[in-house]
Amino acid sequence: MKLRAVFLVILALLLSPAVYAQDCEPDANGFCPCDPVVFQGCTITVGDGLCRIQECAGYRCNCQDPQDAIAYCQLTESTIYAQAGAIQPDGSFACGSSVALLLAQSAASPGPIVTNPPTQSPAPTARPTAAPSVAPTSPPTSVPSPTAGTSTPNPTPTPTATNPPSASPSPTPTEAPVGVRVREVYKPGSGFIIDAVKSGAPGDNNVYVVFRAGEVRVLSSTYQVLGTLLSIAVNSGGEGGLLGVAFHPDYATNGYVFIYYTPGSGVFRTTISRFTVTNKSPPYAAGSEKLIHELIQPYSNHNGGSLRFDQTTGYLLAGIGDGGSGGDPQCRAQDRTNAFGSIIRLDIDPADDSVPYLIPPTNPYANNAQGFAPEIFAYGLRNPWRISTSTDGKLWISDVGQGTWEEIDRMNLNDVSGRNFGWKIMEGSHCFGTCPDTITTLQCDDPSLTLPLLEYDHSGGSCSISGGAVYERNDIPWLNGKFIFTDFCDGRLWTMEPNPSYPGSGLPYIRELLLVSSGSEYLTTQAIFVTTARGNNPFWFGLSSALYEIEADV
């Protein structure tokens, strides 16, 4: 029986017209040669013009009948950027100048679409030029989405390196692959879900669901409501509300829980506060509030709101937006005399508890003489809606774009160089605007600016990156270690893969659709967050109205 099963799998692979792709170098005409062998589950067939469908920017051979691929491209032109009359005499297919990975899949394709990505090449030394713009799609205004702005960027000189491949979304699939699915685990009758976290305390298997209206609700490991841990008054105007929660690494002992919110009274401001949980089982109870950090916000949008702890140092990390409006009119994200548009890092364990926090001595601007905000850990961000950490010591930043480009940034948690991610000089890896010389003299071709690992435009319904995290579980081996993220408007899950054409393409990663379903329907509604899972902890994908768990489909 086992031999028969193996034979059937091999036969299915040989007969299937499904794609997935071999890494290869282009020929003199910019196409990839195809060989009569099987690469990574992709059957290469020779003759009659087959197997000459190329994804040009990534230089991967895709195995698909040309006529089928042309029809596919006509239906999904935002993904393929197909040129008119692209069929060549030999049956090959010429792609447009800005192409994402072709993720065409036959309904008969067996198993998940998975690659074994090549080893990442060294970082490029040249900077990419601005790619063609795509008209933005704005998210709904009735919810506090990490909104994309609408102001027109100032024209500036473009850098001089090669065009990066634009990581455009793939089409909605016709069926989910075997291997991974999402399961709806909690859907409240009302309320807008912002985040879901675990306390990390030994023996605490509860799920803490964060609602924008000011509640932290406690669910059991089987997602039954146990009670309310915390309820506070918030100002939910604009993009305000309760935006983030993080438990102290020693929560089991001290009961400290930290929140990021816009208070319900007084001037509009973002506040980081600490509460002490005095009863960790029903009925839950939290003590008085200790104010940690506060910023008066000039506008009601771009508030950031994500809190995470560096488990190695115990320092608290918070994503702070650029102050709002559109296009950062006061260049706050480049002005280091304030904490807007930055990741701040705080020591929230001073020996004297009357002190709100201390500046970690290794912060880039600790004890600086220029008047820079010593809380800054990294800056040049527009609206870091969600941040996350991974066990390999990395900080991942999902930074919402202005009107065209969404970006994912990554840095080492022990990197204290004071990285500048470029906003508003750049949007992603593209020139955007300038700032007064009194703030910065940097231009968009300055090598000191840190480019994103990945950027994507707004084609295919995307509008605003809403966070991601590294999958660190062993239940789906091919997914373990990959960064999964989502977009507010397209509501789908994506993974970030090494770019096979890097170096030379400008960006080291491309995004690939993680095809998952919830029952018979794909998730295409407002996506708010993806949260970290390690060991036996679940990996959650959050919509505004429901919580889903990503799991193996066995």
Protein backbone atom coordinates (compact mmCIF):
# COMPACT_ATOMS: atom_id res chain seq x y z
CA MET A 1 0.00 0.00 0.00
CA LYS A 2 2.83 2.42 0.83
CA LEU A 3 4.49 1.80 -2.54
CA ARG A 4 1.18 2.36 -4.31
CA ALA A 5 0.68 5.64 -2.43
CA VAL A 6 4.16 6.85 -3.35
CA PHE A 7 3.53 5.92 -6.96
CA LEU A 8 0.26 7.87 -7.00
CA VAL A 9 1.96 10.95 -5.54
CA ILE A 10 4.71 10.81 -8.16
CA LEU A 11 2.14 10.29 -10.90
CA ALA A 12 0.14 13.28 -9.67
CA LEU A 13 3.25 15.45 -9.74
CA LEU A 14 4.13 14.33 -13.25
CA LEU A 15 0.64 14.94 -14.62
CA SER A 16 -0.15 18.16 -12.79
CA PRO A 17 0.29 21.46 -14.62
CA ALA A 18 0.80 23.21 -11.28
CA VAL A 19 3.62 25.64 -10.85
CA TYR A 20 6.46 25.89 -8.65
CA ALA A 21 9.69 26.93 -9.60
CA GLN A 22 13.27 26.08 -10.01
CA ASP A 23 15.92 28.70 -9.23
CA CYS A 24 17.91 29.43 -12.37
CA GLU A 25 19.82 32.14 -14.20
CA PRO A 26 18.26 33.93 -17.19
CA ASP A 27 19.57 33.38 -20.70
CA ALA A 28 20.65 36.16 -23.04
CA ASN A 29 17.03 37.03 -23.74
CA GLY A 30 16.11 37.27 -20.10
CA PHE A 31 14.33 33.91 -19.95
CA CYS A 32 15.09 30.87 -17.84
CA PRO A 33 15.99 27.58 -19.51
CA CYS A 34 13.83 24.62 -18.53
CA ASP A 35 15.16 21.09 -18.24
CA PRO A 36 13.30 17.72 -18.45
CA VAL A 37 13.57 17.04 -14.74
CA VAL A 38 11.53 17.67 -11.61
CA PHE A 39 12.53 20.57 -9.35
CA GLN A 40 10.90 21.21 -5.95
CA GLY A 41 7.62 19.56 -6.96
CA CYS A 42 7.46 21.30 -10.33
CA THR A 43 7.23 19.00 -13.33
CA ILE A 44 9.28 20.24 -16.26
CA THR A 45 7.81 19.10 -19.59
CA VAL A 46 9.65 19.61 -22.85
CA GLY A 47 8.10 20.32 -26.23
CA ASP A 48 5.11 22.16 -27.72
CA GLY A 49 6.16 25.40 -26.08
CA LEU A 50 5.54 24.14 -22.56
CA CYS A 51 7.54 25.14 -19.51
CA ARG A 52 8.70 28.47 -20.78
CA ILE A 53 6.57 30.68 -18.54
CA GLN A 54 8.98 32.87 -16.62
CA GLU A 55 8.66 35.19 -13.65
CA CYS A 56 11.10 37.70 -15.05
CA ALA A 57 12.21 39.71 -12.05
CA GLY A 58 12.90 36.66 -9.93
CA TYR A 59 14.36 34.51 -12.72
CA ARG A 60 12.43 31.39 -11.85
CA CYS A 61 11.15 28.86 -14.34
CA ASN A 62 7.44 28.23 -13.94
CA CYS A 63 5.82 25.15 -15.42
CA GLN A 64 2.47 25.95 -16.98
CA ASP A 65 0.84 25.73 -20.38
CA PRO A 66 1.37 29.13 -22.08
CA GLN A 67 -2.25 29.60 -23.14
CA ASP A 68 -3.47 28.82 -19.63
CA ALA A 69 -0.94 31.24 -18.23
CA ILE A 70 -2.02 34.02 -20.60
CA ALA A 71 -5.64 33.60 -19.51
CA TYR A 72 -4.46 33.56 -15.91
CA CYS A 73 -2.49 36.75 -16.39
CA GLN A 74 -5.38 38.53 -18.04
CA LEU A 75 -7.47 37.79 -14.97
CA THR A 76 -4.76 38.83 -12.53
CA GLU A 77 -2.90 41.59 -14.31
CA SER A 78 -2.13 43.34 -11.03
CA THR A 79 -0.06 40.31 -10.07
CA ILE A 80 1.70 39.55 -13.32
CA TYR A 81 1.79 42.96 -15.04
CA ALA A 82 1.44 41.10 -18.31
CA GLN A 83 2.51 42.88 -21.47
CA ALA A 84 0.17 42.89 -24.45
CA GLY A 85 1.07 40.20 -26.98
CA ALA A 86 3.47 38.59 -24.54
CA ILE A 87 3.49 35.11 -26.10
CA GLN A 88 6.78 34.57 -27.89
CA PRO A 89 7.19 32.38 -31.01
CA ASP A 90 8.79 29.63 -28.94
CA GLY A 91 5.90 29.66 -26.48
CA SER A 92 7.70 31.61 -23.79
CA PHE A 93 5.93 34.39 -21.91
CA ALA A 94 7.42 37.86 -21.46
CA CYS A 95 6.49 39.46 -18.17
CA GLY A 96 6.28 43.15 -17.39
CA SER A 97 9.09 45.10 -15.79
CA SER A 98 7.72 44.84 -12.28
CA VAL A 99 6.73 41.29 -11.48
CA ALA A 100 5.96 39.33 -8.34
CA LEU A 101 6.27 35.56 -8.10
CA LEU A 102 3.73 33.73 -10.24
CA LEU A 103 1.58 31.72 -7.89
CA ALA A 104 -0.78 30.12 -10.39
CA GLN A 105 -2.16 26.89 -9.05
CA SER A 106 -4.28 24.24 -10.70
CA ALA A 107 -7.25 22.95 -8.74
CA ALA A 108 -5.65 19.52 -9.05
CA SER A 109 -2.39 20.62 -7.46
CA PRO A 110 -1.47 18.33 -4.56
CA GLY A 111 -0.39 19.73 -1.23
CA PRO A 112 0.62 23.23 -0.19
CA ILE A 113 2.68 25.45 -2.44
CA VAL A 114 6.01 25.39 -0.65
CA THR A 115 9.56 26.21 -1.66
CA ASN A 116 12.97 25.49 -0.30
CA PRO A 117 14.29 29.06 -0.56
CA PRO A 118 17.91 29.62 -1.49
CA THR A 119 20.42 30.89 1.01
CA GLN A 120 20.20 34.65 1.32
CA SER A 121 22.90 36.49 -0.55
CA PRO A 122 24.91 39.34 0.97
CA ALA A 123 23.26 42.73 1.27
CA PRO A 124 23.41 44.95 -1.82
CA THR A 125 25.67 47.94 -1.99
CA ALA A 126 23.54 49.86 -4.48
CA ARG A 127 20.23 51.47 -3.65
CA PRO A 128 17.10 50.83 -5.74
CA THR A 129 15.31 53.40 -7.82
CA ALA A 130 11.70 54.30 -7.34
CA ALA A 131 9.33 51.84 -9.00
CA PRO A 132 6.15 52.87 -10.86
CA SER A 133 3.42 54.11 -8.54
CA VAL A 134 0.14 52.31 -8.05
CA ALA A 135 -3.05 54.13 -7.12
CA PRO A 136 -3.71 53.66 -3.41
CA THR A 137 -6.81 52.15 -1.92
CA SER A 138 -7.78 53.70 1.40
CA PRO A 139 -9.12 51.50 4.20
CA PRO A 140 -12.49 52.16 5.81
CA THR A 141 -12.50 55.20 8.09
CA SER A 142 -14.90 53.78 10.66
CA VAL A 143 -12.24 51.67 12.35
CA PRO A 144 -8.78 52.57 13.65
CA SER A 145 -6.90 50.95 10.81
CA PRO A 146 -3.24 51.83 10.40
CA THR A 147 -4.34 54.13 7.60
CA ALA A 148 -2.47 55.04 4.49
CA GLY A 149 -2.28 58.77 3.85
CA THR A 150 -3.39 60.71 0.83
CA SER A 151 -1.01 63.64 0.49
CA THR A 152 1.12 63.90 -2.65
CA PRO A 153 4.82 63.21 -2.17
CA ASN A 154 7.33 65.90 -3.05
CA PRO A 155 9.40 65.09 -6.14
CA THR A 156 12.99 64.35 -5.29
CA PRO A 157 15.93 62.93 -7.22
CA THR A 158 15.85 59.18 -7.42
CA PRO A 159 18.70 56.87 -6.49
CA THR A 160 20.63 55.21 -9.27
CA ALA A 161 20.52 51.45 -8.70
CA THR A 162 18.29 48.84 -10.26
CA ASN A 163 14.54 48.50 -9.88
CA PRO A 164 13.43 46.16 -7.09
CA PRO A 165 10.77 43.59 -7.94
CA SER A 166 7.44 44.91 -6.74
CA ALA A 167 5.96 42.34 -4.38
CA SER A 168 2.39 42.46 -5.66
CA PRO A 169 -0.35 40.29 -4.20
CA SER A 170 -1.29 37.00 -5.78
CA PRO A 171 -4.90 36.28 -6.73
CA THR A 172 -7.41 34.76 -4.41
CA PRO A 173 -6.97 30.99 -4.81
CA THR A 174 -9.71 28.57 -5.81
CA GLU A 175 -9.01 26.15 -3.02
CA ALA A 176 -6.80 25.93 0.05
CA PRO A 177 -3.74 23.71 -0.05
CA VAL A 178 -3.43 20.78 2.28
CA GLY A 179 -1.21 21.50 5.22
CA VAL A 180 -2.37 24.70 6.90
CA ARG A 181 -5.69 26.26 7.79
CA VAL A 182 -7.17 28.81 10.14
CA ARG A 183 -9.88 28.01 12.64
CA GLU A 184 -12.21 30.60 14.11
CA VAL A 185 -11.80 30.24 17.86
CA TYR A 186 -13.54 33.30 19.27
CA LYS A 187 -16.10 35.73 17.93
CA PRO A 188 -17.57 38.14 20.46
CA GLY A 189 -21.04 39.51 19.94
CA SER A 190 -19.62 43.01 19.65
CA GLY A 191 -16.37 44.88 20.06
CA PHE A 192 -13.32 45.61 17.93
CA ILE A 193 -10.39 43.25 18.61
CA ILE A 194 -6.97 44.90 18.50
CA ASP A 195 -4.63 42.17 19.75
CA ALA A 196 -4.38 38.82 21.53
CA VAL A 197 -1.49 37.91 23.83
CA LYS A 198 -0.32 35.38 26.40
CA SER A 199 1.09 36.36 29.77
CA GLY A 200 4.07 34.01 29.53
CA ALA A 201 3.68 33.05 33.18
CA PRO A 202 4.25 29.35 33.92
CA GLY A 203 0.96 27.50 34.09
CA ASP A 204 -1.05 30.39 32.68
CA ASN A 205 -2.67 29.07 29.51
CA ASN A 206 -5.20 31.87 29.23
CA VAL A 207 -5.63 34.09 26.18
CA TYR A 208 -5.83 37.84 26.76
CA VAL A 209 -7.90 39.51 24.04
CA VAL A 210 -7.49 43.28 23.68
CA PHE A 211 -10.49 45.35 22.63
CA ARG A 212 -10.14 48.85 21.24
CA ALA A 213 -12.92 50.09 23.52
CA GLY A 214 -10.68 49.60 26.59
CA GLU A 215 -11.13 46.00 27.76
CA VAL A 216 -8.67 43.15 28.20
CA ARG A 217 -10.84 40.05 28.21
CA VAL A 218 -9.62 36.71 29.55
CA LEU A 219 -10.32 33.49 27.64
CA SER A 220 -9.41 29.96 28.68
CA SER A 221 -7.14 27.78 26.55
CA THR A 222 -10.34 26.47 24.94
CA TYR A 223 -11.48 30.05 24.27
CA GLN A 224 -14.21 30.24 26.88
CA VAL A 225 -14.72 33.68 28.43
CA LEU A 226 -13.45 33.75 32.02
CA GLY A 227 -13.83 37.43 32.81
CA THR A 228 -12.28 40.87 32.35
CA LEU A 229 -8.72 41.52 33.47
CA LEU A 230 -8.81 45.26 32.88
CA SER A 231 -11.33 47.88 31.78
CA ILE A 232 -10.33 51.51 31.25
CA ALA A 233 -11.84 54.65 29.74
CA VAL A 234 -10.31 55.45 26.35
CA ASN A 235 -10.67 58.03 23.61
CA SER A 236 -11.44 55.94 20.56
CA GLY A 237 -11.66 58.86 18.16
CA GLY A 238 -9.50 58.77 15.05
CA GLU A 239 -7.13 55.86 15.53
CA GLY A 240 -7.27 56.00 19.30
CA GLY A 241 -8.35 53.49 21.90
CA LEU A 242 -6.65 50.65 23.74
CA LEU A 243 -3.99 49.73 21.20
CA GLY A 244 -1.55 47.33 22.86
CA VAL A 245 -0.86 45.15 25.90
CA ALA A 246 2.30 43.42 27.12
CA PHE A 247 2.93 41.35 30.24
CA HIS A 248 6.10 41.86 32.24
CA PRO A 249 8.59 38.98 31.81
CA ASP A 250 8.24 38.37 35.56
CA TYR A 251 4.45 38.69 35.56
CA ALA A 252 4.09 35.46 37.53
CA THR A 253 5.79 37.20 40.48
CA ASN A 254 4.99 40.91 40.16
CA GLY A 255 1.66 40.88 38.29
CA TYR A 256 2.67 43.82 36.07
CA VAL A 257 0.78 44.37 32.83
CA PHE A 258 1.54 47.31 30.52
CA ILE A 259 -0.92 48.98 28.18
CA TYR A 260 -0.68 51.51 25.36
CA TYR A 261 -3.80 53.65 24.97
CA THR A 262 -5.32 57.07 24.39
CA PRO A 263 -6.98 58.17 27.68
CA GLY A 264 -10.67 58.98 27.70
CA SER A 265 -10.32 62.49 29.15
CA GLY A 266 -8.03 65.44 28.60
CA VAL A 267 -5.96 66.32 25.54
CA PHE A 268 -5.56 63.62 22.90
CA ARG A 269 -2.39 61.74 23.84
CA THR A 270 -0.81 58.31 23.78
CA THR A 271 -0.01 56.80 27.15
CA ILE A 272 1.96 53.79 28.30
CA SER A 273 0.90 52.73 31.77
CA ARG A 274 1.47 49.87 34.18
CA PHE A 275 -1.23 48.09 36.15
CA THR A 276 -0.62 45.50 38.85
CA VAL A 277 -2.92 42.51 38.71
CA THR A 278 -3.86 41.63 42.28
CA ASN A 279 -6.08 38.66 41.46
CA LYS A 280 -5.02 36.45 38.55
CA SER A 281 -8.11 34.25 38.61
CA PRO A 282 -11.83 35.10 38.48
CA PRO A 283 -12.89 37.56 39.64
CA TYR A 284 -9.88 39.37 38.18
CA ALA A 285 -8.68 42.57 39.78
CA ALA A 286 -6.02 45.14 38.91
CA GLY A 287 -4.62 47.84 41.16
CA SER A 288 -3.88 51.48 40.52
CA GLU A 289 -2.28 52.86 37.37
CA LYS A 290 1.36 53.93 37.16
CA LEU A 291 2.09 56.33 34.30
CA ILE A 292 5.21 55.29 32.38
CA HIS A 293 5.39 57.39 29.21
CA GLU A 294 3.14 59.93 27.49
CA LEU A 295 3.10 61.94 24.25
CA ILE A 296 0.61 64.66 23.34
CA GLN A 297 -0.50 63.84 19.81
CA PRO A 298 -0.82 66.69 17.30
CA TYR A 299 -3.29 64.65 15.22
CA SER A 300 -5.59 61.72 15.92
CA ASN A 301 -3.98 59.23 13.52
CA HIS A 302 -0.66 57.38 13.33
CA ASN A 303 -0.56 56.39 16.98
CA GLY A 304 1.36 53.13 16.60
CA GLY A 305 0.44 51.22 19.72
CA SER A 306 2.33 47.93 19.79
CA LEU A 307 4.16 46.86 22.96
CA ARG A 308 6.65 44.01 23.22
CA PHE A 309 9.38 43.01 25.67
CA ASP A 310 12.92 42.10 24.73
CA GLN A 311 13.09 38.85 26.68
CA THR A 312 16.90 39.00 26.86
CA THR A 313 17.26 42.46 28.41
CA GLY A 314 13.79 42.87 29.91
CA TYR A 315 13.45 46.28 28.24
CA LEU A 316 10.04 47.41 26.98
CA LEU A 317 9.74 48.26 23.28
CA ALA A 318 6.95 50.46 21.89
CA GLY A 319 6.08 51.54 18.37
CA ILE A 320 5.31 55.28 18.16
CA GLY A 321 3.74 56.88 15.07
CA ASP A 322 4.95 60.06 13.38
CA GLY A 323 2.27 62.27 14.96
CA GLY A 324 -0.26 61.93 12.17
CA SER A 325 -1.85 64.00 9.44
CA GLY A 326 -0.41 62.91 6.07
CA GLY A 327 3.12 63.06 4.76
CA ASP A 328 4.56 63.94 8.17
CA PRO A 329 4.24 67.72 7.60
CA GLN A 330 6.58 68.65 10.47
CA CYS A 331 9.15 65.93 9.69
CA ARG A 332 8.77 64.54 13.20
CA ALA A 333 9.98 61.06 12.23
CA GLN A 334 13.38 62.51 11.30
CA ASP A 335 13.50 64.91 14.24
CA ARG A 336 15.32 63.06 16.99
CA THR A 337 14.49 65.70 19.57
CA ASN A 338 11.11 63.96 19.93
CA ALA A 339 10.07 60.31 20.03
CA PHE A 340 7.56 60.47 17.17
CA GLY A 341 8.09 58.00 14.34
CA SER A 342 10.30 55.70 16.38
CA ILE A 343 10.71 52.54 18.37
CA ILE A 344 11.40 53.54 21.94
CA ARG A 345 13.17 51.30 24.47
CA LEU A 346 12.62 51.73 28.20
CA ASP A 347 13.93 50.15 31.37
CA ILE A 348 10.70 49.83 33.31
CA ASP A 349 12.28 48.27 36.42
CA PRO A 350 13.92 51.15 38.30
CA ALA A 351 14.93 50.39 41.88
CA ASP A 352 12.85 53.38 42.96
CA ASP A 353 9.30 52.57 41.86
CA SER A 354 8.34 56.24 41.98
CA VAL A 355 10.52 56.73 38.89
CA PRO A 356 8.49 56.03 35.70
CA TYR A 357 11.37 54.45 33.78
CA LEU A 358 15.11 54.61 33.17
CA ILE A 359 17.00 55.05 29.90
CA PRO A 360 18.90 51.86 29.08
CA PRO A 361 22.58 52.83 29.05
CA THR A 362 23.05 51.20 25.63
CA ASN A 363 20.28 53.21 23.93
CA PRO A 364 21.75 55.02 20.91
CA TYR A 365 21.15 58.49 22.38
CA ALA A 366 21.58 57.81 26.07
CA ASN A 367 23.43 60.78 27.61
CA ASN A 368 23.67 62.55 24.23
CA ALA A 369 24.55 66.26 24.15
CA GLN A 370 22.48 67.14 21.04
CA GLY A 371 19.10 67.19 22.77
CA PHE A 372 17.91 63.98 21.13
CA ALA A 373 15.23 61.96 22.89
CA PRO A 374 17.19 59.27 24.78
CA GLU A 375 14.24 56.86 24.61
CA ILE A 376 14.75 56.38 20.86
CA PHE A 377 15.98 52.93 19.83
CA ALA A 378 15.36 53.33 16.07
CA TYR A 379 13.58 56.05 14.09
CA GLY A 380 12.41 57.16 10.64
CA LEU A 381 9.12 55.25 10.85
CA ARG A 382 5.68 56.43 9.76
CA ASN A 383 3.26 54.30 11.75
CA PRO A 384 4.74 51.08 13.22
CA TRP A 385 1.30 49.57 13.82
CA ARG A 386 2.70 46.25 15.03
CA ILE A 387 6.11 45.08 16.18
CA SER A 388 7.21 41.58 17.16
CA THR A 389 10.32 39.73 18.24
CA SER A 390 11.72 36.33 17.31
CA THR A 391 13.87 33.92 19.29
CA ASP A 392 16.88 34.58 17.06
CA GLY A 393 17.14 38.07 18.57
CA LYS A 394 15.37 40.04 15.85
CA LEU A 395 12.89 42.92 16.06
CA TRP A 396 10.32 42.95 13.24
CA ILE A 397 8.54 46.21 12.39
CA SER A 398 5.41 46.47 10.23
CA ASP A 399 5.37 50.11 9.15
CA VAL A 400 2.27 51.47 7.41
CA GLY A 401 2.98 53.35 4.19
CA GLN A 402 1.79 56.76 3.06
CA GLY A 403 -0.13 56.01 -0.12
CA THR A 404 1.81 53.54 -2.24
CA TRP A 405 4.29 51.32 -0.38
CA GLU A 406 3.92 49.16 2.72
CA GLU A 407 7.10 47.93 4.38
CA ILE A 408 8.55 45.33 6.72
CA ASP A 409 11.73 46.26 8.58
CA ARG A 410 13.99 44.07 10.68
CA MET A 411 16.88 44.77 13.01
CA ASN A 412 18.82 42.96 15.69
CA LEU A 413 17.60 43.57 19.20
CA ASN A 414 21.20 44.20 20.24
CA ASP A 415 21.75 46.76 17.45
CA VAL A 416 22.25 50.07 19.26
CA SER A 417 23.42 52.07 16.24
CA GLY A 418 20.22 54.14 16.08
CA ARG A 419 18.94 52.91 12.74
CA ASN A 420 17.10 55.39 10.52
CA PHE A 421 14.42 53.64 8.41
CA GLY A 422 14.01 56.69 6.20
CA TRP A 423 10.51 58.14 6.54
CA LYS A 424 9.67 60.76 5.25
CA ILE A 425 12.75 61.02 3.10
CA MET A 426 11.69 57.68 1.69
CA GLU A 427 8.51 55.65 1.54
CA GLY A 428 9.80 52.11 1.55
CA SER A 429 12.81 52.18 -0.77
CA HIS A 430 11.44 55.05 -2.87
CA CYS A 431 12.12 58.77 -2.71
CA PHE A 432 9.30 60.67 -1.03
CA GLY A 433 10.09 64.07 0.48
CA THR A 434 12.58 66.36 2.13
CA CYS A 435 12.93 67.92 5.57
CA PRO A 436 14.30 71.29 6.68
CA ASP A 437 18.07 71.32 7.10
CA THR A 438 17.52 72.19 10.75
CA ILE A 439 16.10 68.68 11.18
CA THR A 440 18.18 66.65 8.74
CA THR A 441 20.22 67.13 5.58
CA LEU A 442 19.86 63.50 4.51
CA GLN A 443 18.61 62.80 0.98
CA CYS A 444 17.03 59.61 -0.29
CA ASP A 445 20.26 58.30 -1.78
CA ASP A 446 22.05 58.46 1.55
CA PRO A 447 23.55 55.05 2.38
CA SER A 448 22.96 55.59 6.08
CA LEU A 449 19.21 55.03 5.58
CA THR A 450 18.06 51.46 6.21
CA LEU A 451 15.94 49.97 3.43
CA PRO A 452 13.05 47.65 4.25
CA LEU A 453 13.46 43.92 3.94
CA LEU A 454 10.26 43.82 1.95
CA GLU A 455 7.87 46.32 0.45
CA TYR A 456 4.66 45.88 -1.51
CA ASP A 457 2.30 48.22 -3.32
CA HIS A 458 -1.47 48.62 -3.17
CA SER A 459 -2.40 46.61 -6.22
CA GLY A 460 -4.74 43.69 -5.72
CA GLY A 461 -6.67 45.37 -2.93
CA SER A 462 -3.87 45.90 -0.40
CA CYS A 463 -3.77 49.20 1.48
CA SER A 464 -2.10 49.00 4.88
CA ILE A 465 0.20 46.44 6.49
CA SER A 466 -1.27 45.38 9.81
CA GLY A 467 1.47 43.34 11.36
CA GLY A 468 3.22 40.03 11.36
CA ALA A 469 5.29 37.60 13.36
CA VAL A 470 7.65 34.67 12.88
CA TYR A 471 6.02 31.26 13.06
CA GLU A 472 8.06 29.40 15.69
CA ARG A 473 6.29 26.07 16.08
CA ASN A 474 7.15 22.59 14.84
CA ASP A 475 3.64 21.44 13.90
CA ILE A 476 4.03 22.76 10.34
CA PRO A 477 7.72 22.19 9.62
CA TRP A 478 7.87 24.04 6.30
CA LEU A 479 6.31 27.11 7.94
CA ASN A 480 8.54 27.11 11.00
CA GLY A 481 10.81 30.17 11.04
CA LYS A 482 8.91 32.10 8.37
CA PHE A 483 7.53 35.59 8.90
CA ILE A 484 3.74 35.66 8.40
CA PHE A 485 1.96 38.96 7.93
CA THR A 486 -1.30 40.45 6.74
CA ASP A 487 -2.83 43.58 5.25
CA PHE A 488 -5.82 45.49 6.59
CA CYS A 489 -7.69 45.60 3.28
CA ASP A 490 -6.91 42.34 1.51
CA GLY A 491 -7.25 40.34 4.75
CA ARG A 492 -5.04 37.50 3.51
CA LEU A 493 -1.97 35.88 5.02
CA TRP A 494 1.44 36.20 3.38
CA THR A 495 4.89 34.82 4.07
CA MET A 496 8.16 36.52 3.37
CA GLU A 497 10.63 34.51 1.27
CA PRO A 498 14.24 35.18 0.21
CA ASN A 499 14.35 36.76 -3.24
CA PRO A 500 16.13 34.40 -5.68
CA SER A 501 17.37 37.29 -7.83
CA TYR A 502 19.01 39.08 -4.90
CA PRO A 503 21.56 40.71 -4.94
CA GLY A 504 20.90 43.15 -7.75
CA SER A 505 17.13 43.38 -7.39
CA GLY A 506 17.30 45.88 -4.56
CA LEU A 507 15.27 44.04 -1.94
CA PRO A 508 16.26 40.71 -0.38
CA TYR A 509 12.73 39.31 0.03
CA ILE A 510 9.53 38.75 -1.88
CA ARG A 511 6.13 37.95 -0.46
CA GLU A 512 4.22 34.78 -1.25
CA LEU A 513 0.59 34.08 -0.49
CA LEU A 514 0.02 31.59 2.28
CA LEU A 515 -3.12 29.90 1.00
CA VAL A 516 -5.32 29.18 3.97
CA SER A 517 -9.05 28.93 4.43
CA SER A 518 -11.60 29.06 7.18
CA GLY A 519 -14.02 26.30 6.30
CA SER A 520 -15.11 26.97 2.73
CA GLU A 521 -14.42 30.70 2.77
CA TYR A 522 -11.21 32.65 2.48
CA LEU A 523 -10.44 35.41 4.93
CA THR A 524 -10.93 38.61 2.97
CA THR A 525 -12.08 41.05 5.64
CA GLN A 526 -10.27 43.64 7.74
CA ALA A 527 -7.13 42.07 9.18
CA ILE A 528 -5.80 43.72 12.32
CA PHE A 529 -2.88 41.67 13.59
CA VAL A 530 -0.82 38.51 13.54
CA THR A 531 0.71 37.48 16.84
CA THR A 532 3.78 35.48 17.81
CA ALA A 533 3.56 31.81 18.75
CA ARG A 534 6.31 29.68 20.20
CA GLY A 535 6.46 26.15 21.50
CA ASN A 536 2.93 25.07 22.31
CA ASN A 537 1.46 28.57 22.14
CA PRO A 538 -1.06 29.12 19.30
CA PHE A 539 -0.42 31.41 16.37
CA TRP A 540 -3.28 33.87 16.07
CA PHE A 541 -4.60 35.84 13.15
CA GLY A 542 -6.99 38.60 14.15
CA LEU A 543 -9.79 40.27 12.28
CA SER A 544 -11.63 43.23 13.73
CA SER A 545 -14.51 40.96 14.77
CA ALA A 546 -12.99 37.53 15.35
CA LEU A 547 -9.91 35.61 16.44
CA TYR A 548 -8.50 32.75 14.37
CA GLU A 549 -5.86 30.15 15.16
CA ILE A 550 -3.47 28.96 12.47
CA GLU A 551 -3.05 25.20 12.62
CA ALA A 552 -1.89 22.18 10.68
CA ASP A 553 -4.53 20.66 8.41
CA VAL A 554 -4.01 16.95 9.06
